[in-house]
Amino acid sequence: MTQATVDLPQSTAPEIAPARSSGLLLLPSVLPALVMLAVGGIGLTRPALGWDEHATWSAAERTPGQILDLAETMDGVIAPYYLFMHFWTAAFGDSVAVMRLPSLLAVALGVGLVGELGRRLFTPGVGLAGALIGAAVPQLSRYAQDARSYGLAFLFAVLSTLLLYLALARPTWGRWIGYGAALTLLGYSHLIGLLVLSGHLVAVALRRRAGRDRRLLVRWPAVVLAAVLLVSPLIRLGLSQRGTQLEWIAPLDLHQVLIAPGVIFGAPTAGLLIVGLAFAARWPQPSVVGEMAALAVLPPALLIAVSFVTSPLWVPRYMLVVVVPLALLAAVALRGLRLRTVVALALIVAVGFEAQQAFRGPASHGGMDFRRAAAIVRAGEQPGDGVVYGRIGTWSLRAGLDYELRNGTAPADLLLRRSAAEVGGLDGAECPELTCFDAERVWYVGARRAGDPMADAGDVLRAKFGAEYRRTGYWLLPLGTIALYQRR
């Protein structure tokens, strides 16, 4: 198979051999993208929307002005994605498939770009094998099926890396501007994704050292600075909201660091297999292997370091991009598309199969199975029914049931006084006494915890139910409780 590499400045790289056909040029990118599209499309709508996805739906249903109001109080760094989803759902609807389709398309395109990156840095065979390895990673399938911005961040992280190498090969201002635009889109999709700049810095430094191209000392910093300035409004919002936005992240410990490779890939055995192969990568130009290694190691290392020194920021799904260099290095170790590559791919698919199934479970996206909860309410609902929600995760419970019952009748929300859109937050304003309702039949929806399944009802609601109502129905779901009360 014909070898193709990126040109290095001042003829430090071998001459690129002509491709045999245009089909050979497209194969490493098009085939893996189609494979990822097919794999990610399997079971796309099987899991009910999770609590994060309900936040996306809740925000997308608002006007652009209301989304900006929300951004001033919380989720400021996600506001661009919410605005995008507002117009997307306005055009195509808000079904589960439509809500998740942008992520599926983004991850499929990103995997295709992995193939193109591998073709340019190594060979078409390495690009094809590396992209197929990426498509087999369970975690990419998981976030190809998620109505959040992680899929878009993955796409723009890969795109910015590819455009960087194009600019390094032929450093025109047009290519540098394209690179800067991709960085800006990455920042607007997920700020922490900009940690790929640490790996980019290593690539620029090594190319500057090899080629003595002084233009790199001006152009790369200038483009990066421009991108950061364009993203600075989100940086300001992120810093001001850090205490509330990320308070749910648990403190980082050594155990989380040790299991990080497996968690990032979504299947520990698959992750360790790919990382092990990456360690065996050898190439005639060692600097290219070093650049890929830097892109794999530095972003998570920096995020882990910051999490230890300041408040915790470590969330494995923030680091999806490290799959890219590790998959390409694994393909280099396997020497492209050969029989051993096919065997390795089969092993990765086999050890990741259980995780792929788990990611497609009915409640695998977080929270209770709201689809089942809504079916229970819909089957037993009568005119005049009301609903109240538990005190833990009230906003997600309300948004989850509202979404599933949005196209039909629904019990009246008895405690709600002002909607989340009116308040400018994720949850609405409720009756402060929590007892200001008077209905003959009341549905209770709560997030069940270990022990008492009604623990999150709170003392006030529990007392009112005990004094004025008798329970006539009771359903326990994974992570959820549904109960029906009738006035005594």
Protein backbone atom coordinates (compact mmCIF):
# COMPACT_ATOMS: atom_id res chain seq x y z
CA MET A 1 0.00 0.00 0.00
CA THR A 2 1.36 3.42 -0.89
CA GLN A 3 2.82 5.40 1.99
CA ALA A 4 1.70 8.98 2.60
CA THR A 5 3.08 11.33 5.23
CA VAL A 6 2.77 14.97 6.14
CA ASP A 7 5.50 17.17 4.71
CA LEU A 8 7.83 18.59 7.32
CA PRO A 9 9.33 22.05 6.89
CA GLN A 10 12.48 22.42 4.80
CA SER A 11 12.37 18.89 3.36
CA THR A 12 12.91 17.11 6.68
CA ALA A 13 10.17 14.61 5.81
CA PRO A 14 10.33 12.02 3.05
CA GLU A 15 8.62 12.89 -0.19
CA ILE A 16 4.95 11.93 -0.34
CA ALA A 17 4.38 9.11 -2.78
CA PRO A 18 1.47 9.54 -5.20
CA ALA A 19 -1.71 7.73 -4.20
CA ARG A 20 -2.85 4.93 -6.48
CA SER A 21 -6.38 6.27 -6.76
CA SER A 22 -8.80 8.71 -5.22
CA GLY A 23 -10.54 5.73 -3.65
CA LEU A 24 -7.38 4.93 -1.69
CA LEU A 25 -7.32 8.50 -0.40
CA LEU A 26 -10.93 8.31 0.80
CA LEU A 27 -10.99 4.75 2.13
CA PRO A 28 -9.25 5.43 5.50
CA SER A 29 -11.78 8.14 6.33
CA VAL A 30 -15.04 7.15 4.63
CA LEU A 31 -15.18 3.47 5.64
CA PRO A 32 -14.55 4.04 9.40
CA ALA A 33 -17.02 6.93 9.42
CA LEU A 34 -19.70 4.66 7.97
CA VAL A 35 -18.79 1.91 10.44
CA MET A 36 -19.05 4.36 13.34
CA LEU A 37 -22.37 5.63 12.01
CA ALA A 38 -23.70 2.07 11.90
CA VAL A 39 -22.32 1.05 15.31
CA GLY A 40 -23.50 4.25 16.96
CA GLY A 41 -26.91 3.89 15.33
CA ILE A 42 -27.52 0.47 16.90
CA GLY A 43 -29.89 0.97 19.81
CA LEU A 44 -29.81 4.75 19.40
CA THR A 45 -33.26 5.23 20.93
CA ARG A 46 -33.27 2.26 23.32
CA PRO A 47 -32.02 4.16 26.40
CA ALA A 48 -34.42 6.75 27.75
CA LEU A 49 -33.04 10.27 27.88
CA GLY A 50 -30.82 10.65 30.94
CA TRP A 51 -30.84 13.53 33.38
CA ASP A 52 -28.12 15.45 31.48
CA GLU A 53 -30.09 15.00 28.28
CA HIS A 54 -33.22 16.28 30.01
CA ALA A 55 -31.28 19.46 30.78
CA THR A 56 -30.56 19.75 27.05
CA TRP A 57 -34.24 19.31 26.18
CA SER A 58 -35.36 21.74 28.87
CA ALA A 59 -32.97 24.40 27.60
CA ALA A 60 -33.67 23.75 23.91
CA GLU A 61 -37.40 24.30 24.49
CA ARG A 62 -36.76 27.88 25.60
CA THR A 63 -36.34 31.01 23.51
CA PRO A 64 -32.79 32.16 22.71
CA GLY A 65 -33.25 34.98 25.21
CA GLN A 66 -34.25 32.53 27.95
CA ILE A 67 -31.23 30.34 27.12
CA LEU A 68 -28.98 33.37 27.59
CA ASP A 69 -30.72 34.10 30.90
CA LEU A 70 -29.95 30.54 31.98
CA ALA A 71 -26.32 31.02 30.96
CA GLU A 72 -25.98 33.91 33.39
CA THR A 73 -26.83 31.70 36.34
CA MET A 74 -25.66 28.20 35.34
CA ASP A 75 -24.57 26.05 32.40
CA GLY A 76 -22.95 29.12 30.85
CA VAL A 77 -20.25 27.08 29.11
CA ILE A 78 -22.93 24.86 27.53
CA ALA A 79 -25.06 27.76 26.26
CA PRO A 80 -23.75 27.56 22.65
CA TYR A 81 -24.78 23.90 22.49
CA TYR A 82 -28.19 24.73 23.95
CA LEU A 83 -28.68 27.43 21.32
CA PHE A 84 -27.72 24.99 18.59
CA MET A 85 -30.15 22.40 19.94
CA HIS A 86 -32.89 25.04 20.16
CA PHE A 87 -32.74 25.62 16.41
CA TRP A 88 -32.12 21.93 15.67
CA THR A 89 -35.22 20.76 17.54
CA ALA A 90 -37.27 23.64 16.13
CA ALA A 91 -36.45 22.35 12.65
CA PHE A 92 -36.58 18.57 13.17
CA GLY A 93 -38.53 17.91 16.37
CA ASP A 94 -37.51 16.63 19.78
CA SER A 95 -37.74 12.85 19.51
CA VAL A 96 -34.99 10.80 21.13
CA ALA A 97 -33.44 10.01 17.75
CA VAL A 98 -33.45 13.66 16.66
CA MET A 99 -32.01 14.83 19.98
CA ARG A 100 -29.10 12.41 19.68
CA LEU A 101 -28.48 12.63 15.94
CA PRO A 102 -26.03 15.60 16.08
CA SER A 103 -23.78 13.64 18.43
CA LEU A 104 -23.95 10.53 16.26
CA LEU A 105 -23.04 12.47 13.13
CA ALA A 106 -20.27 14.36 14.93
CA VAL A 107 -18.60 11.22 16.32
CA ALA A 108 -18.87 9.45 12.94
CA LEU A 109 -17.26 12.44 11.19
CA GLY A 110 -14.61 12.60 13.92
CA VAL A 111 -13.72 8.94 13.43
CA GLY A 112 -13.47 9.59 9.68
CA LEU A 113 -11.03 12.44 10.38
CA VAL A 114 -8.96 10.06 12.53
CA GLY A 115 -8.47 7.96 9.42
CA GLU A 116 -7.40 11.00 7.42
CA LEU A 117 -4.99 12.07 10.16
CA GLY A 118 -3.45 8.60 10.22
CA ARG A 119 -3.19 8.53 6.42
CA ARG A 120 -1.29 11.82 6.38
CA LEU A 121 0.99 11.13 9.33
CA PHE A 122 1.69 7.47 8.58
CA THR A 123 0.12 5.40 5.78
CA PRO A 124 -3.41 4.78 4.45
CA GLY A 125 -3.35 1.37 6.13
CA VAL A 126 -2.46 2.87 9.50
CA GLY A 127 -5.16 5.51 9.09
CA LEU A 128 -7.80 2.93 8.24
CA ALA A 129 -6.78 0.57 11.06
CA GLY A 130 -6.54 3.38 13.62
CA ALA A 131 -9.96 4.78 12.75
CA LEU A 132 -11.55 1.31 12.90
CA ILE A 133 -9.96 0.77 16.32
CA GLY A 134 -11.53 4.06 17.38
CA ALA A 135 -14.92 2.98 16.06
CA ALA A 136 -14.69 -0.17 18.22
CA VAL A 137 -14.16 1.80 21.45
CA PRO A 138 -17.36 1.48 23.56
CA GLN A 139 -17.12 4.98 25.02
CA LEU A 140 -17.31 6.60 21.58
CA SER A 141 -20.53 4.68 20.92
CA ARG A 142 -21.87 5.80 24.28
CA TYR A 143 -21.38 9.49 23.54
CA ALA A 144 -22.44 9.13 19.94
CA GLN A 145 -25.82 8.35 21.51
CA ASP A 146 -25.94 11.24 23.97
CA ALA A 147 -27.79 14.54 23.54
CA ARG A 148 -24.91 16.53 24.97
CA SER A 149 -21.95 18.37 23.49
CA TYR A 150 -19.28 15.69 23.98
CA GLY A 151 -19.65 14.30 20.46
CA LEU A 152 -19.21 17.77 18.93
CA ALA A 153 -16.18 18.41 21.16
CA PHE A 154 -14.64 15.13 19.94
CA LEU A 155 -15.20 16.16 16.31
CA PHE A 156 -13.64 19.60 16.70
CA ALA A 157 -10.71 18.25 18.72
CA VAL A 158 -9.84 15.82 15.91
CA LEU A 159 -10.49 18.46 13.26
CA SER A 160 -8.23 21.00 14.95
CA THR A 161 -5.45 18.41 15.23
CA LEU A 162 -5.74 17.49 11.56
CA LEU A 163 -5.77 21.16 10.51
CA LEU A 164 -2.71 21.82 12.67
CA TYR A 165 -0.75 19.21 10.76
CA LEU A 166 -1.98 20.61 7.47
CA ALA A 167 -0.76 24.05 8.54
CA LEU A 168 2.58 22.62 9.65
CA ALA A 169 2.99 20.92 6.28
CA ARG A 170 2.23 24.08 4.28
CA PRO A 171 2.01 27.07 6.62
CA THR A 172 -0.26 29.46 4.76
CA TRP A 173 -2.43 31.92 6.65
CA GLY A 174 -5.53 30.27 5.21
CA ARG A 175 -4.64 26.98 6.85
CA TRP A 176 -3.77 28.65 10.14
CA ILE A 177 -7.10 30.48 10.15
CA GLY A 178 -8.89 27.19 9.54
CA TYR A 179 -7.03 25.72 12.50
CA GLY A 180 -8.01 28.69 14.66
CA ALA A 181 -11.66 28.35 13.63
CA ALA A 182 -11.64 24.68 14.65
CA LEU A 183 -10.13 25.60 18.03
CA THR A 184 -12.84 28.22 18.54
CA LEU A 185 -15.57 25.70 17.77
CA LEU A 186 -13.90 23.25 20.15
CA GLY A 187 -13.94 25.84 22.93
CA TYR A 188 -17.58 26.66 22.30
CA SER A 189 -18.54 22.99 22.37
CA HIS A 190 -16.54 22.14 25.52
CA LEU A 191 -13.96 24.38 27.18
CA ILE A 192 -11.92 21.57 28.71
CA GLY A 193 -11.43 20.20 25.20
CA LEU A 194 -8.92 23.02 24.67
CA LEU A 195 -6.45 20.96 26.69
CA VAL A 196 -5.51 19.41 23.32
CA LEU A 197 -3.43 22.56 22.92
CA SER A 198 -0.87 20.96 25.24
CA GLY A 199 -0.31 18.21 22.67
CA HIS A 200 -0.38 20.72 19.82
CA LEU A 201 2.34 22.73 21.55
CA VAL A 202 4.64 19.69 21.54
CA ALA A 203 4.03 19.12 17.82
CA VAL A 204 4.77 22.77 17.03
CA ALA A 205 7.91 22.74 19.17
CA LEU A 206 9.26 19.59 17.53
CA ARG A 207 8.53 20.88 14.02
CA ARG A 208 10.12 24.23 14.85
CA ARG A 209 13.22 22.44 16.10
CA ALA A 210 13.43 20.15 13.07
CA GLY A 211 12.75 22.76 10.41
CA ARG A 212 13.92 25.99 11.99
CA ASP A 213 10.81 27.68 10.60
CA ARG A 214 10.64 30.92 12.58
CA ARG A 215 7.12 31.63 11.32
CA LEU A 216 5.82 29.03 13.76
CA LEU A 217 6.91 31.24 16.64
CA VAL A 218 4.48 33.90 15.44
CA ARG A 219 1.64 32.17 13.66
CA TRP A 220 0.74 29.41 16.10
CA PRO A 221 0.66 31.65 19.21
CA ALA A 222 -1.26 34.31 17.29
CA VAL A 223 -3.91 31.88 16.13
CA VAL A 224 -4.25 30.29 19.57
CA LEU A 225 -4.54 33.70 21.22
CA ALA A 226 -7.24 34.75 18.77
CA ALA A 227 -9.20 31.56 19.45
CA VAL A 228 -8.90 31.99 23.22
CA LEU A 229 -10.07 35.59 22.96
CA LEU A 230 -13.12 34.50 20.96
CA VAL A 231 -13.92 31.91 23.62
CA SER A 232 -13.16 34.26 26.54
CA PRO A 233 -16.86 35.02 27.31
CA LEU A 234 -17.36 31.33 28.05
CA ILE A 235 -14.16 31.22 30.08
CA ARG A 236 -15.48 34.09 32.20
CA LEU A 237 -18.81 32.33 32.74
CA GLY A 238 -17.08 29.04 33.51
CA LEU A 239 -14.84 30.57 36.16
CA SER A 240 -17.71 32.48 37.79
CA GLN A 241 -19.96 29.39 37.90
CA ARG A 242 -17.32 26.81 38.74
CA GLY A 243 -18.46 26.45 42.35
CA THR A 244 -22.01 25.49 41.37
CA GLN A 245 -21.49 24.01 37.92
CA LEU A 246 -19.02 21.33 38.96
CA GLU A 247 -19.93 20.77 42.60
CA TRP A 248 -21.17 17.26 41.77
CA ILE A 249 -17.67 16.04 40.79
CA ALA A 250 -16.16 13.85 43.52
CA PRO A 251 -12.65 14.62 44.80
CA LEU A 252 -9.96 12.86 42.80
CA ASP A 253 -7.98 10.04 44.40
CA LEU A 254 -5.24 7.64 43.35
CA HIS A 255 -7.72 4.87 42.56
CA GLN A 256 -9.48 7.05 39.96
CA VAL A 257 -6.13 7.88 38.39
CA LEU A 258 -5.16 4.21 38.13
CA ILE A 259 -8.43 3.16 36.49
CA ALA A 260 -8.56 6.21 34.20
CA PRO A 261 -7.45 4.41 30.98
CA GLY A 262 -10.16 1.80 31.28
CA VAL A 263 -12.85 4.32 32.20
CA ILE A 264 -11.95 6.66 29.33
CA PHE A 265 -12.38 3.79 26.85
CA GLY A 266 -15.56 2.53 28.53
CA ALA A 267 -14.19 -1.01 28.86
CA PRO A 268 -11.04 -1.56 30.95
CA THR A 269 -9.78 -4.59 29.02
CA ALA A 270 -10.27 -2.90 25.65
CA GLY A 271 -8.57 0.24 26.93
CA LEU A 272 -5.58 -1.63 28.31
CA LEU A 273 -5.24 -3.61 25.08
CA ILE A 274 -5.14 -0.43 22.98
CA VAL A 275 -2.76 1.33 25.39
CA GLY A 276 -0.50 -1.71 25.43
CA LEU A 277 -0.33 -1.78 21.66
CA ALA A 278 0.37 1.96 21.62
CA PHE A 279 3.43 1.42 23.82
CA ALA A 280 4.80 -0.91 21.13
CA ALA A 281 4.52 1.69 18.35
CA ARG A 282 7.71 2.28 16.33
CA TRP A 283 8.10 4.48 13.26
CA PRO A 284 11.00 5.68 11.09
CA GLN A 285 10.22 9.25 12.24
CA PRO A 286 10.20 8.92 16.04
CA SER A 287 9.09 12.53 16.49
CA VAL A 288 5.65 11.72 15.04
CA VAL A 289 5.19 8.94 17.60
CA GLY A 290 6.27 11.39 20.30
CA GLU A 291 3.71 13.94 19.14
CA MET A 292 0.91 11.39 19.29
CA ALA A 293 2.09 10.26 22.73
CA ALA A 294 2.02 13.86 23.96
CA LEU A 295 -1.51 14.29 22.65
CA ALA A 296 -2.55 11.14 24.52
CA VAL A 297 -0.83 11.90 27.82
CA LEU A 298 -0.75 15.65 28.38
CA PRO A 299 -4.49 16.59 28.31
CA PRO A 300 -5.55 14.02 30.95
CA ALA A 301 -2.38 14.61 32.96
CA LEU A 302 -3.08 18.33 33.14
CA LEU A 303 -6.72 17.79 34.08
CA ILE A 304 -5.70 15.34 36.81
CA ALA A 305 -3.05 17.76 38.12
CA VAL A 306 -5.50 20.65 38.25
CA SER A 307 -8.03 18.43 40.01
CA PHE A 308 -5.51 17.59 42.73
CA VAL A 309 -4.28 21.17 43.17
CA THR A 310 -7.65 22.99 42.95
CA SER A 311 -11.25 21.82 43.03
CA PRO A 312 -11.97 18.54 41.19
CA LEU A 313 -12.48 18.68 37.43
CA TRP A 314 -11.73 15.09 36.50
CA VAL A 315 -14.54 13.51 34.46
CA PRO A 316 -13.36 10.74 32.09
CA ARG A 317 -15.79 11.67 29.29
CA TYR A 318 -14.07 15.06 29.05
CA MET A 319 -11.03 13.21 27.67
CA LEU A 320 -12.58 11.30 24.76
CA VAL A 321 -10.02 12.81 22.39
CA VAL A 322 -7.16 10.71 23.85
CA VAL A 323 -8.72 7.73 22.09
CA VAL A 324 -7.47 9.23 18.80
CA PRO A 325 -3.66 9.21 19.27
CA LEU A 326 -3.74 5.92 21.17
CA ALA A 327 -5.76 4.23 18.42
CA LEU A 328 -3.35 5.53 15.78
CA LEU A 329 -0.31 4.41 17.77
CA ALA A 330 -1.89 0.98 18.22
CA ALA A 331 -2.38 0.82 14.43
CA VAL A 332 1.29 1.78 13.95
CA ALA A 333 2.33 -1.06 16.26
CA LEU A 334 0.20 -3.43 14.18
CA ARG A 335 1.80 -2.03 11.01
CA GLY A 336 -1.41 -0.94 9.36
CA LEU A 337 -4.05 -3.14 7.82
CA ARG A 338 -2.76 -6.69 8.20
CA LEU A 339 -4.05 -9.98 9.55
CA ARG A 340 -2.86 -9.21 13.06
CA THR A 341 -4.77 -5.94 12.88
CA VAL A 342 -7.94 -7.86 12.06
CA VAL A 343 -7.28 -10.16 15.02
CA ALA A 344 -6.64 -7.19 17.33
CA LEU A 345 -9.83 -5.51 16.14
CA ALA A 346 -11.79 -8.67 16.80
CA LEU A 347 -10.36 -8.82 20.32
CA ILE A 348 -11.23 -5.17 21.03
CA VAL A 349 -14.78 -5.74 19.80
CA ALA A 350 -15.09 -8.93 21.87
CA VAL A 351 -13.84 -7.49 25.16
CA GLY A 352 -15.90 -4.34 24.65
CA PHE A 353 -19.13 -6.14 23.71
CA GLU A 354 -20.49 -6.30 27.25
CA ALA A 355 -19.92 -2.56 27.71
CA GLN A 356 -21.59 -1.86 24.36
CA GLN A 357 -24.67 -3.74 25.58
CA ALA A 358 -24.67 -1.99 28.96
CA PHE A 359 -24.49 1.43 27.30
CA ARG A 360 -27.72 0.60 25.47
CA GLY A 361 -29.75 -0.37 28.53
CA PRO A 362 -33.10 1.39 29.11
CA ALA A 363 -31.75 3.55 31.96
CA SER A 364 -28.06 3.59 31.01
CA HIS A 365 -27.89 7.38 30.51
CA GLY A 366 -28.45 8.25 34.15
CA GLY A 367 -31.47 8.51 36.41
CA MET A 368 -34.51 6.29 36.47
CA ASP A 369 -36.09 4.81 33.37
CA PHE A 370 -38.37 7.77 32.71
CA ARG A 371 -39.94 6.01 29.76
CA ARG A 372 -41.21 3.27 32.07
CA ALA A 373 -42.19 5.80 34.74
CA ALA A 374 -44.27 7.74 32.22
CA ALA A 375 -45.92 4.51 31.05
CA ILE A 376 -46.99 3.77 34.62
CA VAL A 377 -48.46 7.24 35.08
CA ARG A 378 -50.13 7.20 31.67
CA ALA A 379 -51.76 3.81 32.33
CA GLY A 380 -53.26 4.87 35.66
CA GLU A 381 -53.92 8.57 35.12
CA GLN A 382 -57.38 10.02 35.65
CA PRO A 383 -58.74 13.54 35.00
CA GLY A 384 -57.85 15.89 37.84
CA ASP A 385 -54.72 13.99 38.90
CA GLY A 386 -51.71 15.93 40.17
CA VAL A 387 -48.03 15.14 40.56
CA VAL A 388 -45.35 16.15 43.06
CA TYR A 389 -41.65 15.40 42.99
CA GLY A 390 -39.09 14.29 45.55
CA ARG A 391 -36.66 16.76 47.09
CA ILE A 392 -33.52 15.19 45.58
CA GLY A 393 -32.88 16.04 41.93
CA THR A 394 -36.27 17.69 41.57
CA TRP A 395 -35.40 19.45 38.32
CA SER A 396 -34.33 16.23 36.58
CA LEU A 397 -37.40 14.34 37.81
CA ARG A 398 -39.70 17.11 36.58
CA ALA A 399 -37.94 17.47 33.22
CA GLY A 400 -37.83 13.70 32.73
CA LEU A 401 -41.55 13.15 33.23
CA ASP A 402 -42.43 16.32 31.33
CA TYR A 403 -40.45 15.08 28.34
CA GLU A 404 -42.01 11.63 28.26
CA LEU A 405 -45.56 13.01 28.68
CA ARG A 406 -45.10 16.03 26.40
CA ASN A 407 -47.31 14.75 23.58
CA GLY A 408 -50.34 13.75 25.65
CA THR A 409 -52.16 14.47 28.86
CA ALA A 410 -50.17 14.83 32.07
CA PRO A 411 -51.03 15.29 35.75
CA ALA A 412 -51.00 18.89 36.95
CA ASP A 413 -47.70 19.94 38.55
CA LEU A 414 -49.16 20.82 41.94
CA LEU A 415 -46.18 22.53 43.57
CA LEU A 416 -44.87 24.46 40.55
CA ARG A 417 -45.45 28.21 40.67
CA ARG A 418 -43.00 29.50 38.03
CA SER A 419 -41.44 27.43 35.25
CA ALA A 420 -37.69 26.86 34.93
CA ALA A 421 -37.63 29.14 31.88
CA GLU A 422 -39.27 31.93 33.85
CA VAL A 423 -36.89 31.50 36.76
CA GLY A 424 -33.81 31.34 34.51
CA GLY A 425 -32.55 28.05 35.95
CA LEU A 426 -32.92 24.33 35.41
CA ASP A 427 -35.68 24.02 37.99
CA GLY A 428 -38.79 26.08 38.52
CA ALA A 429 -39.98 27.87 41.64
CA GLU A 430 -42.22 25.78 43.88
CA CYS A 431 -44.73 26.60 46.57
CA PRO A 432 -42.48 27.34 49.58
CA GLU A 433 -44.62 25.40 52.02
CA LEU A 434 -44.55 22.28 49.81
CA THR A 435 -48.03 21.41 51.07
CA CYS A 436 -50.09 23.93 49.12
CA PHE A 437 -51.99 21.45 46.99
CA ASP A 438 -55.44 19.98 47.26
CA ALA A 439 -56.12 17.15 44.81
CA GLU A 440 -58.07 13.93 45.15
CA ARG A 441 -55.29 11.84 43.62
CA VAL A 442 -51.60 12.66 43.65
CA TRP A 443 -48.72 10.91 41.90
CA TYR A 444 -45.38 10.99 43.67
CA VAL A 445 -42.18 10.71 41.59
CA GLY A 446 -38.92 10.37 43.49
CA ALA A 447 -35.30 9.37 43.00
CA ARG A 448 -35.01 6.23 45.14
CA ARG A 449 -31.94 5.86 47.31
CA ALA A 450 -30.66 2.91 49.33
CA GLY A 451 -32.85 2.17 52.33
CA ASP A 452 -36.17 3.98 52.52
CA PRO A 453 -37.49 4.33 48.94
CA MET A 454 -39.46 7.43 50.02
CA ALA A 455 -36.52 9.07 51.78
CA ASP A 456 -36.27 11.92 49.29
CA ALA A 457 -39.89 12.97 49.86
CA GLY A 458 -38.79 15.05 52.82
CA ASP A 459 -40.48 15.37 56.19
CA VAL A 460 -43.07 17.95 55.09
CA LEU A 461 -44.41 16.02 52.11
CA ARG A 462 -44.24 12.75 54.01
CA ALA A 463 -46.32 14.24 56.83
CA LYS A 464 -48.94 15.60 54.43
CA PHE A 465 -49.27 12.29 52.61
CA GLY A 466 -49.51 10.42 55.91
CA ALA A 467 -52.18 12.70 57.36
CA GLU A 468 -54.39 13.32 54.33
CA TYR A 469 -53.83 10.49 51.84
CA ARG A 470 -53.60 6.75 51.61
CA ARG A 471 -51.26 5.05 49.17
CA THR A 472 -53.08 3.05 46.50
CA GLY A 473 -50.21 2.28 44.13
CA TYR A 474 -46.49 1.76 44.49
CA TRP A 475 -43.80 0.98 41.90
CA LEU A 476 -40.06 0.63 42.51
CA LEU A 477 -37.79 1.29 39.53
CA PRO A 478 -34.01 1.27 39.36
CA LEU A 479 -33.09 4.63 40.93
CA GLY A 480 -36.73 5.69 41.05
CA THR A 481 -40.01 5.47 42.93
CA ILE A 482 -43.54 6.01 41.64
CA ALA A 483 -46.43 6.14 44.11
CA LEU A 484 -50.11 7.00 43.79
CA TYR A 485 -52.03 8.57 46.69
CA GLN A 486 -55.79 8.91 47.15
CA ARG A 487 -57.37 11.41 49.54
CA ARG A 488 -58.69 9.69 52.65
